[in-house]
Amino acid sequence: MGKVLVDTSAWIEFFRKKEPYHTAVLGLIDEDRVFCAGIILGELLQGAKSDKELEVLKDFLHVFEFVSETSDLWEKAGELSFALRRKGNPVGLSDCFIAVAAMAYDAEIISLDKHFGILKKEIRVNVTRL
């Protein structure tokens, strides 16, 4: 079984203990399948509600494998965002980066974000909405 990039929206549901995301992400953690990206960690840190939450999130760096954020991946993300905007489907750079990183690492994405439905139609990326 491959790695799974857990998007910010899914992490939020996990921390709120909302099903089915809580159980699904917990299972991925137990199976050592969680893959992370710096942009996801940054978004989570930005939304932390307390110093305690901030400390828990900082542990991600020691617990999960992270995407190597190469300039090539950022270039592909920027080009993807540009192409989608030209087609009338604007998708933010962070979601485009997550999608191209998942594709490069052959990882699945778990997200509640509807933008990933657009991305799934544009590039070969496996997105799951529970």
Protein backbone atom coordinates (compact mmCIF):
# COMPACT_ATOMS: atom_id res chain seq x y z
CA MET A 1 0.00 0.00 0.00
CA GLY A 2 1.30 3.40 -0.99
CA LYS A 3 1.73 6.72 0.73
CA VAL A 4 -1.15 9.13 1.21
CA LEU A 5 -0.90 12.92 1.26
CA VAL A 6 -3.42 14.02 3.85
CA ASP A 7 -4.61 17.47 2.82
CA THR A 8 -5.18 20.26 5.32
CA SER A 9 -8.96 19.86 5.15
CA ALA A 10 -8.72 16.18 6.10
CA TRP A 11 -6.30 16.93 8.96
CA ILE A 12 -8.76 19.50 10.32
CA GLU A 13 -11.54 16.89 10.35
CA PHE A 14 -9.13 14.40 11.96
CA PHE A 15 -8.27 16.80 14.79
CA ARG A 16 -11.98 17.58 15.28
CA LYS A 17 -12.54 13.80 15.52
CA LYS A 18 -15.06 13.99 12.67
CA GLU A 19 -15.85 10.74 10.95
CA PRO A 20 -14.97 9.15 8.62
CA TYR A 21 -11.77 11.22 8.43
CA HIS A 22 -10.67 10.61 12.01
CA THR A 23 -10.73 6.83 11.66
CA ALA A 24 -9.24 6.90 8.14
CA VAL A 25 -6.30 9.15 9.05
CA LEU A 26 -5.68 7.26 12.29
CA GLY A 27 -5.47 4.05 10.24
CA LEU A 28 -3.00 5.67 7.83
CA ILE A 29 -0.85 6.83 10.77
CA ASP A 30 -0.90 3.32 12.27
CA GLU A 31 0.10 1.86 8.87
CA ASP A 32 2.90 4.45 8.46
CA ARG A 33 1.38 5.61 5.16
CA VAL A 34 1.04 9.36 5.87
CA PHE A 35 3.08 11.54 3.56
CA CYS A 36 3.23 15.27 4.17
CA ALA A 37 4.14 18.48 2.36
CA GLY A 38 5.53 21.64 3.88
CA ILE A 39 2.62 23.68 2.53
CA ILE A 40 0.16 21.45 4.40
CA LEU A 41 2.13 21.78 7.63
CA GLY A 42 2.33 25.55 7.13
CA GLU A 43 -1.43 25.81 6.66
CA LEU A 44 -2.04 23.75 9.79
CA LEU A 45 0.43 25.80 11.86
CA GLN A 46 -1.20 29.00 10.63
CA GLY A 47 -4.59 27.80 11.87
CA ALA A 48 -3.44 26.51 15.27
CA LYS A 49 -5.70 27.64 18.11
CA SER A 50 -3.20 27.32 20.96
CA ASP A 51 0.46 26.83 21.83
CA LYS A 52 -0.35 23.19 22.60
CA GLU A 53 -1.78 22.66 19.10
CA LEU A 54 1.28 24.37 17.64
CA GLU A 55 3.60 21.97 19.46
CA VAL A 56 1.62 18.91 18.33
CA LEU A 57 1.81 20.09 14.74
CA LYS A 58 5.56 20.76 14.95
CA ASP A 59 5.98 17.06 15.74
CA PHE A 60 4.88 16.30 12.17
CA LEU A 61 8.47 17.05 11.14
CA HIS A 62 9.71 14.15 13.26
CA VAL A 63 6.85 11.72 12.66
CA PHE A 64 5.99 11.83 8.96
CA GLU A 65 7.91 11.56 5.72
CA PHE A 66 7.87 14.83 3.78
CA VAL A 67 7.83 15.57 0.06
CA SER A 68 11.13 16.93 -1.23
CA GLU A 69 9.99 20.34 -2.40
CA THR A 70 12.12 20.73 -5.49
CA SER A 71 12.06 23.69 -7.84
CA ASP A 72 10.86 21.27 -10.53
CA LEU A 73 7.73 20.45 -8.52
CA TRP A 74 7.03 24.12 -7.88
CA GLU A 75 7.52 24.86 -11.58
CA LYS A 76 5.02 22.14 -12.51
CA ALA A 77 2.58 23.43 -9.89
CA GLY A 78 2.81 26.95 -11.24
CA GLU A 79 2.32 25.77 -14.81
CA LEU A 80 -0.67 23.66 -13.77
CA SER A 81 -2.27 26.59 -11.94
CA PHE A 82 -1.65 28.80 -14.99
CA ALA A 83 -3.19 26.24 -17.37
CA LEU A 84 -6.25 25.78 -15.18
CA ARG A 85 -6.78 29.52 -14.82
CA ARG A 86 -6.65 29.87 -18.63
CA LYS A 87 -9.36 27.22 -18.89
CA GLY A 88 -11.57 29.11 -16.44
CA ASN A 89 -10.88 26.76 -13.52
CA PRO A 90 -8.65 28.71 -11.15
CA VAL A 91 -7.01 26.50 -8.54
CA GLY A 92 -4.59 27.89 -5.96
CA LEU A 93 -0.89 27.20 -6.12
CA SER A 94 -0.84 25.20 -2.87
CA ASP A 95 -3.43 22.70 -4.13
CA CYS A 96 -1.62 22.44 -7.47
CA PHE A 97 1.63 21.75 -5.62
CA ILE A 98 0.00 19.02 -3.53
CA ALA A 99 -1.41 17.43 -6.70
CA VAL A 100 1.87 17.43 -8.65
CA ALA A 101 3.77 16.19 -5.59
CA ALA A 102 1.30 13.34 -5.15
CA MET A 103 1.66 12.47 -8.82
CA ALA A 104 5.48 12.59 -8.64
CA TYR A 105 5.57 10.35 -5.57
CA ASP A 106 2.73 8.10 -6.74
CA ALA A 107 0.78 8.99 -3.62
CA GLU A 108 -2.96 9.25 -3.07
CA ILE A 109 -4.56 12.45 -1.73
CA ILE A 110 -7.29 12.55 0.90
CA SER A 111 -9.11 15.86 0.89
CA LEU A 112 -12.50 17.52 1.31
CA ASP A 113 -11.41 20.34 -1.02
CA LYS A 114 -13.44 20.47 -4.23
CA HIS A 115 -10.45 21.84 -6.16
CA PHE A 116 -8.99 18.35 -6.19
CA GLY A 117 -11.92 17.21 -8.33
CA ILE A 118 -10.77 19.72 -10.96
CA LEU A 119 -7.14 18.64 -10.55
CA LYS A 120 -8.07 14.97 -10.89
CA LYS A 121 -9.55 15.71 -14.31
CA GLU A 122 -6.42 17.59 -15.43
CA ILE A 123 -3.61 15.31 -14.26
CA ARG A 124 -3.29 11.69 -13.19
CA VAL A 125 -3.73 11.94 -9.47
CA ASN A 126 -5.73 9.70 -7.15
CA VAL A 127 -7.98 11.76 -4.87
CA THR A 128 -10.28 10.31 -2.22
CA ARG A 129 -13.15 12.11 -0.56
CA LEU A 130 -14.49 9.93 2.25
